[in-house]
Amino acid sequence: MKNIKIEWCENFIKKTFEKKQCKGIEVGYFWDMAERSGLWERGTYGTPMSKALEELTKVEIISDENGNYLYSVFRLA
């Protein structure tokens, strides 16, 4: 994997939320976009993208009316 800077990942995250004009992005969909951008490689952990997400977002669990898990989203902090 190429040498990726956290700053590039932070810019990607901010621009993605701005472009999508959304409050949250489903976690799996976000990782697909990050992989297509070349800033993240599937199966890697502790990467610059992970660190940028830690700094800029929080994970929110979305549940149905009965409290059953539906999916998780990244939200800008």
N, C-alpha and C. Protein backbone atom coordinates (compact mmCIF):
# COMPACT_ATOMS: atom_id res chain seq x y z
N MET A 1 0.84 -1.18 0.00
CA MET A 1 0.00 0.00 0.00
C MET A 1 0.89 1.25 0.00
N LYS A 2 0.46 2.25 -0.71
CA LYS A 2 1.24 3.48 -0.80
C LYS A 2 1.23 4.25 0.52
N ASN A 3 2.12 5.21 0.64
CA ASN A 3 2.26 6.01 1.85
C ASN A 3 1.16 7.08 1.87
N ILE A 4 0.12 6.84 2.65
CA ILE A 4 -1.04 7.72 2.71
C ILE A 4 -0.97 8.56 3.98
N LYS A 5 -1.27 9.83 3.85
CA LYS A 5 -1.23 10.74 4.99
C LYS A 5 -2.63 10.86 5.61
N ILE A 6 -2.65 11.03 6.93
CA ILE A 6 -3.92 11.20 7.65
C ILE A 6 -4.66 12.41 7.10
N GLU A 7 -3.94 13.46 6.78
CA GLU A 7 -4.56 14.69 6.26
C GLU A 7 -5.37 14.41 4.99
N TRP A 8 -4.85 13.56 4.10
CA TRP A 8 -5.59 13.21 2.88
C TRP A 8 -6.90 12.52 3.23
N CYS A 9 -6.82 11.63 4.22
CA CYS A 9 -8.01 10.90 4.66
C CYS A 9 -9.03 11.84 5.30
N GLU A 10 -8.55 12.76 6.12
CA GLU A 10 -9.45 13.74 6.74
C GLU A 10 -10.14 14.57 5.67
N ASN A 11 -9.39 15.00 4.67
CA ASN A 11 -10.00 15.77 3.57
C ASN A 11 -11.03 14.94 2.82
N PHE A 12 -10.74 13.67 2.59
CA PHE A 12 -11.68 12.78 1.93
C PHE A 12 -12.98 12.67 2.73
N ILE A 13 -12.84 12.48 4.03
CA ILE A 13 -14.01 12.33 4.90
C ILE A 13 -14.87 13.60 4.84
N LYS A 14 -14.25 14.75 5.03
CA LYS A 14 -14.99 16.02 5.01
C LYS A 14 -15.67 16.24 3.68
N LYS A 15 -14.96 16.01 2.59
CA LYS A 15 -15.53 16.22 1.25
C LYS A 15 -16.64 15.23 0.96
N THR A 16 -16.50 14.00 1.44
CA THR A 16 -17.53 12.99 1.21
C THR A 16 -18.83 13.39 1.90
N PHE A 17 -18.75 13.82 3.15
CA PHE A 17 -19.95 14.25 3.87
C PHE A 17 -20.56 15.49 3.20
N GLU A 18 -19.72 16.40 2.76
CA GLU A 18 -20.19 17.61 2.10
C GLU A 18 -20.87 17.28 0.77
N LYS A 19 -20.21 16.44 -0.01
CA LYS A 19 -20.73 16.07 -1.33
C LYS A 19 -22.05 15.31 -1.22
N LYS A 20 -22.13 14.41 -0.26
CA LYS A 20 -23.36 13.61 -0.08
C LYS A 20 -24.45 14.40 0.64
N GLN A 21 -24.09 15.53 1.22
CA GLN A 21 -25.02 16.37 1.97
C GLN A 21 -25.86 15.53 2.94
N CYS A 22 -25.14 14.79 3.78
CA CYS A 22 -25.82 13.90 4.70
C CYS A 22 -25.29 14.07 6.12
N LYS A 23 -26.04 13.55 7.05
CA LYS A 23 -25.63 13.60 8.44
C LYS A 23 -24.88 12.33 8.84
N GLY A 24 -25.09 11.26 8.10
CA GLY A 24 -24.44 9.99 8.41
C GLY A 24 -24.27 9.16 7.16
N ILE A 25 -23.23 8.32 7.17
CA ILE A 25 -22.96 7.42 6.06
C ILE A 25 -22.83 6.01 6.64
N GLU A 26 -23.57 5.08 6.06
CA GLU A 26 -23.53 3.69 6.52
C GLU A 26 -22.07 3.21 6.44
N VAL A 27 -21.63 2.52 7.48
CA VAL A 27 -20.23 2.14 7.64
C VAL A 27 -19.70 1.35 6.44
N GLY A 28 -20.41 0.33 6.00
CA GLY A 28 -19.97 -0.48 4.87
C GLY A 28 -19.85 0.32 3.59
N TYR A 29 -20.82 1.19 3.35
CA TYR A 29 -20.80 2.04 2.16
C TYR A 29 -19.60 2.99 2.21
N PHE A 30 -19.33 3.54 3.40
CA PHE A 30 -18.18 4.43 3.53
C PHE A 30 -16.89 3.69 3.18
N TRP A 31 -16.71 2.47 3.73
CA TRP A 31 -15.48 1.72 3.46
C TRP A 31 -15.35 1.40 1.98
N ASP A 32 -16.47 1.12 1.32
CA ASP A 32 -16.43 0.88 -0.14
C ASP A 32 -15.91 2.12 -0.87
N MET A 33 -16.41 3.30 -0.49
CA MET A 33 -15.97 4.55 -1.11
C MET A 33 -14.49 4.80 -0.83
N ALA A 34 -14.07 4.55 0.41
CA ALA A 34 -12.67 4.77 0.79
C ALA A 34 -11.74 3.84 0.00
N GLU A 35 -12.19 2.61 -0.19
CA GLU A 35 -11.39 1.65 -0.95
C GLU A 35 -11.27 2.09 -2.41
N ARG A 36 -12.38 2.51 -3.00
CA ARG A 36 -12.36 2.98 -4.40
C ARG A 36 -11.48 4.21 -4.56
N SER A 37 -11.38 5.03 -3.52
CA SER A 37 -10.56 6.25 -3.60
C SER A 37 -9.06 5.93 -3.57
N GLY A 38 -8.71 4.73 -3.12
CA GLY A 38 -7.31 4.36 -3.00
C GLY A 38 -6.69 4.77 -1.68
N LEU A 39 -7.51 5.29 -0.76
CA LEU A 39 -6.99 5.74 0.53
C LEU A 39 -7.09 4.67 1.62
N TRP A 40 -7.69 3.54 1.30
CA TRP A 40 -7.84 2.46 2.27
C TRP A 40 -7.87 1.14 1.53
N GLU A 41 -7.29 0.13 2.14
CA GLU A 41 -7.26 -1.21 1.55
C GLU A 41 -8.02 -2.16 2.46
N ARG A 42 -8.95 -2.90 1.89
CA ARG A 42 -9.77 -3.84 2.66
C ARG A 42 -8.88 -4.83 3.42
N GLY A 43 -9.26 -5.09 4.66
CA GLY A 43 -8.51 -6.03 5.49
C GLY A 43 -7.37 -5.40 6.27
N THR A 44 -7.21 -4.09 6.18
CA THR A 44 -6.16 -3.42 6.93
C THR A 44 -6.76 -2.71 8.14
N TYR A 45 -5.97 -2.57 9.17
CA TYR A 45 -6.43 -1.95 10.41
C TYR A 45 -5.35 -0.99 10.91
N GLY A 46 -5.76 0.03 11.65
CA GLY A 46 -4.81 1.00 12.18
C GLY A 46 -4.20 1.86 11.10
N THR A 47 -4.94 2.08 10.04
CA THR A 47 -4.46 2.85 8.89
C THR A 47 -4.70 4.34 9.09
N PRO A 48 -4.13 5.16 8.22
CA PRO A 48 -4.42 6.60 8.29
C PRO A 48 -5.93 6.89 8.20
N MET A 49 -6.66 6.11 7.39
CA MET A 49 -8.11 6.33 7.29
C MET A 49 -8.79 6.05 8.63
N SER A 50 -8.40 4.98 9.29
CA SER A 50 -8.96 4.65 10.60
C SER A 50 -8.69 5.77 11.60
N LYS A 51 -7.47 6.28 11.58
CA LYS A 51 -7.10 7.35 12.51
C LYS A 51 -7.87 8.64 12.20
N ALA A 52 -8.06 8.94 10.92
CA ALA A 52 -8.84 10.13 10.54
C ALA A 52 -10.29 9.98 10.98
N LEU A 53 -10.85 8.79 10.81
CA LEU A 53 -12.23 8.54 11.25
C LEU A 53 -12.36 8.73 12.76
N GLU A 54 -11.38 8.26 13.51
CA GLU A 54 -11.38 8.43 14.97
C GLU A 54 -11.45 9.90 15.36
N GLU A 55 -10.73 10.72 14.62
CA GLU A 55 -10.66 12.15 14.93
C GLU A 55 -11.92 12.92 14.53
N LEU A 56 -12.55 12.51 13.43
CA LEU A 56 -13.62 13.32 12.84
C LEU A 56 -15.03 12.78 13.02
N THR A 57 -15.17 11.51 13.34
CA THR A 57 -16.51 10.92 13.37
C THR A 57 -16.78 10.16 14.66
N LYS A 58 -18.03 9.83 14.81
CA LYS A 58 -18.45 8.89 15.85
C LYS A 58 -19.32 7.85 15.15
N VAL A 59 -19.40 6.67 15.72
CA VAL A 59 -20.22 5.60 15.16
C VAL A 59 -21.55 5.60 15.90
N GLU A 60 -22.62 5.56 15.15
CA GLU A 60 -23.95 5.51 15.75
C GLU A 60 -24.64 4.24 15.28
N ILE A 61 -25.26 3.54 16.22
CA ILE A 61 -26.01 2.33 15.92
C ILE A 61 -27.45 2.73 15.60
N ILE A 62 -27.95 2.24 14.49
CA ILE A 62 -29.34 2.48 14.10
C ILE A 62 -30.13 1.21 14.39
N SER A 63 -31.21 1.36 15.16
CA SER A 63 -32.04 0.23 15.56
C SER A 63 -33.47 0.43 15.09
N ASP A 64 -34.21 -0.65 15.02
CA ASP A 64 -35.63 -0.53 14.67
C ASP A 64 -36.42 -0.15 15.92
N GLU A 65 -37.74 -0.06 15.77
CA GLU A 65 -38.59 0.38 16.88
C GLU A 65 -38.57 -0.57 18.07
N ASN A 66 -38.10 -1.81 17.85
CA ASN A 66 -38.01 -2.79 18.93
C ASN A 66 -36.61 -2.87 19.54
N GLY A 67 -35.72 -1.99 19.09
CA GLY A 67 -34.37 -1.98 19.61
C GLY A 67 -33.43 -2.96 18.95
N ASN A 68 -33.89 -3.61 17.87
CA ASN A 68 -33.04 -4.55 17.15
C ASN A 68 -32.07 -3.81 16.24
N TYR A 69 -30.83 -4.26 16.22
CA TYR A 69 -29.79 -3.64 15.40
C TYR A 69 -30.18 -3.69 13.93
N LEU A 70 -30.02 -2.55 13.24
CA LEU A 70 -30.23 -2.50 11.80
C LEU A 70 -28.90 -2.29 11.07
N TYR A 71 -28.18 -1.24 11.42
CA TYR A 71 -26.89 -0.93 10.79
C TYR A 71 -26.19 0.15 11.59
N SER A 72 -24.94 0.42 11.23
CA SER A 72 -24.14 1.46 11.89
C SER A 72 -23.80 2.55 10.88
N VAL A 73 -23.69 3.77 11.37
CA VAL A 73 -23.32 4.89 10.50
C VAL A 73 -22.18 5.68 11.15
N PHE A 74 -21.35 6.30 10.27
CA PHE A 74 -20.39 7.27 10.72
C PHE A 74 -21.08 8.63 10.68
N ARG A 75 -20.94 9.41 11.75
CA ARG A 75 -21.46 10.77 11.80
C ARG A 75 -20.30 11.70 12.13
N LEU A 76 -20.28 12.85 11.48
CA LEU A 76 -19.25 13.83 11.82
C LEU A 76 -19.45 14.27 13.26
N ALA A 77 -18.36 14.33 14.00
CA ALA A 77 -18.44 14.71 15.41
C ALA A 77 -18.53 16.22 15.56
